[in-house]
Structure formats: C-alpha cells, structure tokens
C-alpha cells in the first residue's frame, strides 16, 4: 500500500501542475501495481485487522479511487517494467523486460 499511495500522491501533485498550465485532468490516472492485495484494498472492508497498520494509506487510496482520480490495476511481474530495478527476477523474465531498455545488436 505504501508504494501505491505514494504513486497516487505523486499523481495528485502532477495533476495540480498540469492544471496550473491549463491541461485538463478529466480522466483518471492509471496506476499499475504488482500486488493484487493492494489493488483490492479500496474495495475491501475497511475494518479488516490486516489493514490497520496501513489505515491512512488505505483510506487515501479509497478516496482517490472513489472520486476516480486514480484507477488501480494489477500487473504481473512479466509486464512490470519497474521490477527489473527493484527485485531479483528469473533470467527469462529479466531478459524479456531488458528488451524495453536495451536496443538489441545485430
């Protein structure tokens, strides 16, 4: 929930800057998260004991998804480009993601 709420907060900041420059923000911003639980948190029961340490972050995500500022989507590791920088990956997954960053030779 921490990284997703940080992404949502950054989105709000960027939307504010865009609005300042006259760019409309009528469509929700998509946030892709590799953790299914976090994506499902805004829809779940807020009284769950498992979410109490994250209550503020979860409440913030609920608010942003309910007013459609952001939309949360689950994405598997095979498609999550950020994972190449943040976690150890199987060689096949690493090589597939690396293609998006490195131009192949030959």
C-alpha atoms as a PDB file:
ATOM      1  CA  UNK A   1       0.000   0.000   0.000  1.00  0.00           C
ATOM      2  CA  UNK A   2       2.922   2.326   0.676  1.00  0.00           C
ATOM      3  CA  UNK A   3       4.292   2.495  -2.861  1.00  0.00           C
ATOM      4  CA  UNK A   4       0.807   2.703  -4.370  1.00  0.00           C
ATOM      5  CA  UNK A   5      -0.281   5.519  -2.056  1.00  0.00           C
ATOM      6  CA  UNK A   6       2.982   7.335  -2.838  1.00  0.00           C
ATOM      7  CA  UNK A   7       2.256   6.952  -6.554  1.00  0.00           C
ATOM      8  CA  UNK A   8      -1.279   8.268  -6.018  1.00  0.00           C
ATOM      9  CA  UNK A   9       0.064  11.255  -4.052  1.00  0.00           C
ATOM     10  CA  UNK A  10       2.595  11.989  -6.807  1.00  0.00           C
ATOM     11  CA  UNK A  11      -0.229  11.745  -9.332  1.00  0.00           C
ATOM     12  CA  UNK A  12      -2.196  14.380  -7.425  1.00  0.00           C
ATOM     13  CA  UNK A  13       0.844  16.653  -7.471  1.00  0.00           C
ATOM     14  CA  UNK A  14       1.393  16.199 -11.192  1.00  0.00           C
ATOM     15  CA  UNK A  15      -2.301  16.767 -11.880  1.00  0.00           C
ATOM     16  CA  UNK A  16      -2.069  20.017  -9.913  1.00  0.00           C
ATOM     17  CA  UNK A  17       0.892  21.158 -12.004  1.00  0.00           C
ATOM     18  CA  UNK A  18      -0.906  20.186 -15.216  1.00  0.00           C
ATOM     19  CA  UNK A  19      -3.996  22.129 -14.100  1.00  0.00           C
ATOM     20  CA  UNK A  20      -1.807  25.171 -13.396  1.00  0.00           C
ATOM     21  CA  UNK A  21      -0.620  25.058 -17.015  1.00  0.00           C
ATOM     22  CA  UNK A  22      -4.179  24.698 -18.308  1.00  0.00           C
ATOM     23  CA  UNK A  23      -4.077  20.982 -19.055  1.00  0.00           C
ATOM     24  CA  UNK A  24      -7.408  19.385 -18.105  1.00  0.00           C
ATOM     25  CA  UNK A  25      -7.436  16.385 -15.768  1.00  0.00           C
ATOM     26  CA  UNK A  26     -10.798  14.919 -16.668  1.00  0.00           C
ATOM     27  CA  UNK A  27      -9.655  11.305 -16.991  1.00  0.00           C
ATOM     28  CA  UNK A  28      -8.386   9.102 -14.144  1.00  0.00           C
ATOM     29  CA  UNK A  29      -4.702   8.221 -13.996  1.00  0.00           C
ATOM     30  CA  UNK A  30      -3.905   4.504 -14.189  1.00  0.00           C
ATOM     31  CA  UNK A  31      -1.542   3.108 -11.560  1.00  0.00           C
ATOM     32  CA  UNK A  32      -0.191  -0.386 -12.135  1.00  0.00           C
ATOM     33  CA  UNK A  33       0.693  -2.390  -9.043  1.00  0.00           C
ATOM     34  CA  UNK A  34       2.208  -5.846  -8.780  1.00  0.00           C
ATOM     35  CA  UNK A  35       0.399  -6.631  -5.522  1.00  0.00           C
ATOM     36  CA  UNK A  36      -3.169  -7.895  -6.017  1.00  0.00           C
ATOM     37  CA  UNK A  37      -3.991  -7.257  -2.373  1.00  0.00           C
ATOM     38  CA  UNK A  38      -3.186  -3.564  -2.650  1.00  0.00           C
ATOM     39  CA  UNK A  39      -5.286  -3.237  -5.803  1.00  0.00           C
ATOM     40  CA  UNK A  40      -8.222  -4.878  -3.998  1.00  0.00           C
ATOM     41  CA  UNK A  41      -7.815  -2.874  -0.745  1.00  0.00           C
ATOM     42  CA  UNK A  42     -10.000   0.078  -1.738  1.00  0.00           C
ATOM     43  CA  UNK A  43     -12.907  -2.334  -2.325  1.00  0.00           C
ATOM     44  CA  UNK A  44     -12.453  -4.390   0.845  1.00  0.00           C
ATOM     45  CA  UNK A  45     -13.903  -3.920   4.322  1.00  0.00           C
ATOM     46  CA  UNK A  46     -12.066  -1.014   5.978  1.00  0.00           C
ATOM     47  CA  UNK A  47     -12.331  -2.642   9.416  1.00  0.00           C
ATOM     48  CA  UNK A  48     -10.078  -5.561   8.497  1.00  0.00           C
ATOM     49  CA  UNK A  49      -7.411  -6.113  11.163  1.00  0.00           C
ATOM     50  CA  UNK A  50      -4.829  -6.860   8.464  1.00  0.00           C
ATOM     51  CA  UNK A  51      -5.074  -3.317   7.125  1.00  0.00           C
ATOM     52  CA  UNK A  52      -4.861  -1.403  10.406  1.00  0.00           C
ATOM     53  CA  UNK A  53      -1.123  -0.581  10.061  1.00  0.00           C
ATOM     54  CA  UNK A  54      -1.907   0.886   6.666  1.00  0.00           C
ATOM     55  CA  UNK A  55      -5.209   2.547   7.597  1.00  0.00           C
ATOM     56  CA  UNK A  56      -4.208   6.053   6.498  1.00  0.00           C
ATOM     57  CA  UNK A  57      -2.756   4.872   3.201  1.00  0.00           C
ATOM     58  CA  UNK A  58      -5.757   2.643   2.523  1.00  0.00           C
ATOM     59  CA  UNK A  59      -8.184   5.470   3.331  1.00  0.00           C
ATOM     60  CA  UNK A  60      -6.277   7.746   0.943  1.00  0.00           C
ATOM     61  CA  UNK A  61      -6.386   5.117  -1.825  1.00  0.00           C
ATOM     62  CA  UNK A  62     -10.109   4.563  -1.224  1.00  0.00           C
ATOM     63  CA  UNK A  63     -10.740   8.280  -1.546  1.00  0.00           C
ATOM     64  CA  UNK A  64      -8.721   8.615  -4.757  1.00  0.00           C
ATOM     65  CA  UNK A  65     -10.323   5.578  -6.396  1.00  0.00           C
ATOM     66  CA  UNK A  66     -13.850   6.557  -5.340  1.00  0.00           C
ATOM     67  CA  UNK A  67     -13.539  10.053  -6.833  1.00  0.00           C
ATOM     68  CA  UNK A  68     -11.815   8.474  -9.868  1.00  0.00           C
ATOM     69  CA  UNK A  69      -8.623  10.473  -9.634  1.00  0.00           C
ATOM     70  CA  UNK A  70      -6.712   7.195  -9.986  1.00  0.00           C
ATOM     71  CA  UNK A  71      -7.576   3.694 -11.132  1.00  0.00           C
ATOM     72  CA  UNK A  72      -5.599   0.768  -9.696  1.00  0.00           C
ATOM     73  CA  UNK A  73      -4.716  -2.173 -11.909  1.00  0.00           C
ATOM     74  CA  UNK A  74      -2.854  -5.364 -11.108  1.00  0.00           C
ATOM     75  CA  UNK A  75       0.061  -6.211 -13.374  1.00  0.00           C
ATOM     76  CA  UNK A  76       2.127  -9.390 -13.280  1.00  0.00           C
ATOM     77  CA  UNK A  77       5.903  -9.283 -12.864  1.00  0.00           C
ATOM     78  CA  UNK A  78       6.310 -10.266 -16.523  1.00  0.00           C
ATOM     79  CA  UNK A  79       4.840  -6.913 -17.527  1.00  0.00           C
ATOM     80  CA  UNK A  80       6.002  -4.677 -14.667  1.00  0.00           C
ATOM     81  CA  UNK A  81       8.990  -2.765 -16.035  1.00  0.00           C
ATOM     82  CA  UNK A  82       9.903  -1.336 -12.618  1.00  0.00           C
ATOM     83  CA  UNK A  83      10.594  -4.854 -11.275  1.00  0.00           C
ATOM     84  CA  UNK A  84      13.825  -5.029 -13.250  1.00  0.00           C
ATOM     85  CA  UNK A  85      15.162  -2.296 -10.928  1.00  0.00           C
ATOM     86  CA  UNK A  86      13.555  -3.378  -7.661  1.00  0.00           C
ATOM     87  CA  UNK A  87      13.777  -7.155  -7.258  1.00  0.00           C
ATOM     88  CA  UNK A  88      15.658 -10.257  -8.309  1.00  0.00           C
ATOM     89  CA  UNK A  89      14.000 -11.880 -11.321  1.00  0.00           C
ATOM     90  CA  UNK A  90      14.196 -15.196 -13.105  1.00  0.00           C
ATOM     91  CA  UNK A  91      16.560 -14.989 -16.084  1.00  0.00           C
ATOM     92  CA  UNK A  92      13.767 -15.321 -18.650  1.00  0.00           C
ATOM     93  CA  UNK A  93      11.705 -12.523 -17.063  1.00  0.00           C
ATOM     94  CA  UNK A  94      14.806 -10.323 -16.736  1.00  0.00           C
ATOM     95  CA  UNK A  95      15.768 -10.798 -20.396  1.00  0.00           C
ATOM     96  CA  UNK A  96      12.221 -10.072 -21.593  1.00  0.00           C
ATOM     97  CA  UNK A  97      11.986  -6.865 -19.532  1.00  0.00           C
ATOM     98  CA  UNK A  98      15.514  -5.813 -20.515  1.00  0.00           C
ATOM     99  CA  UNK A  99      14.360  -5.628 -24.150  1.00  0.00           C
ATOM    100  CA  UNK A 100      12.396  -2.499 -23.279  1.00  0.00           C
ATOM    101  CA  UNK A 101      15.550  -0.710 -22.114  1.00  0.00           C
ATOM    102  CA  UNK A 102      18.374  -2.032 -24.253  1.00  0.00           C
ATOM    103  CA  UNK A 103      18.478  -1.895 -28.024  1.00  0.00           C
ATOM    104  CA  UNK A 104      19.485  -5.288 -29.399  1.00  0.00           C
ATOM    105  CA  UNK A 105      22.549  -5.514 -31.561  1.00  0.00           C
ATOM    106  CA  UNK A 106      22.619  -7.258 -34.856  1.00  0.00           C
END
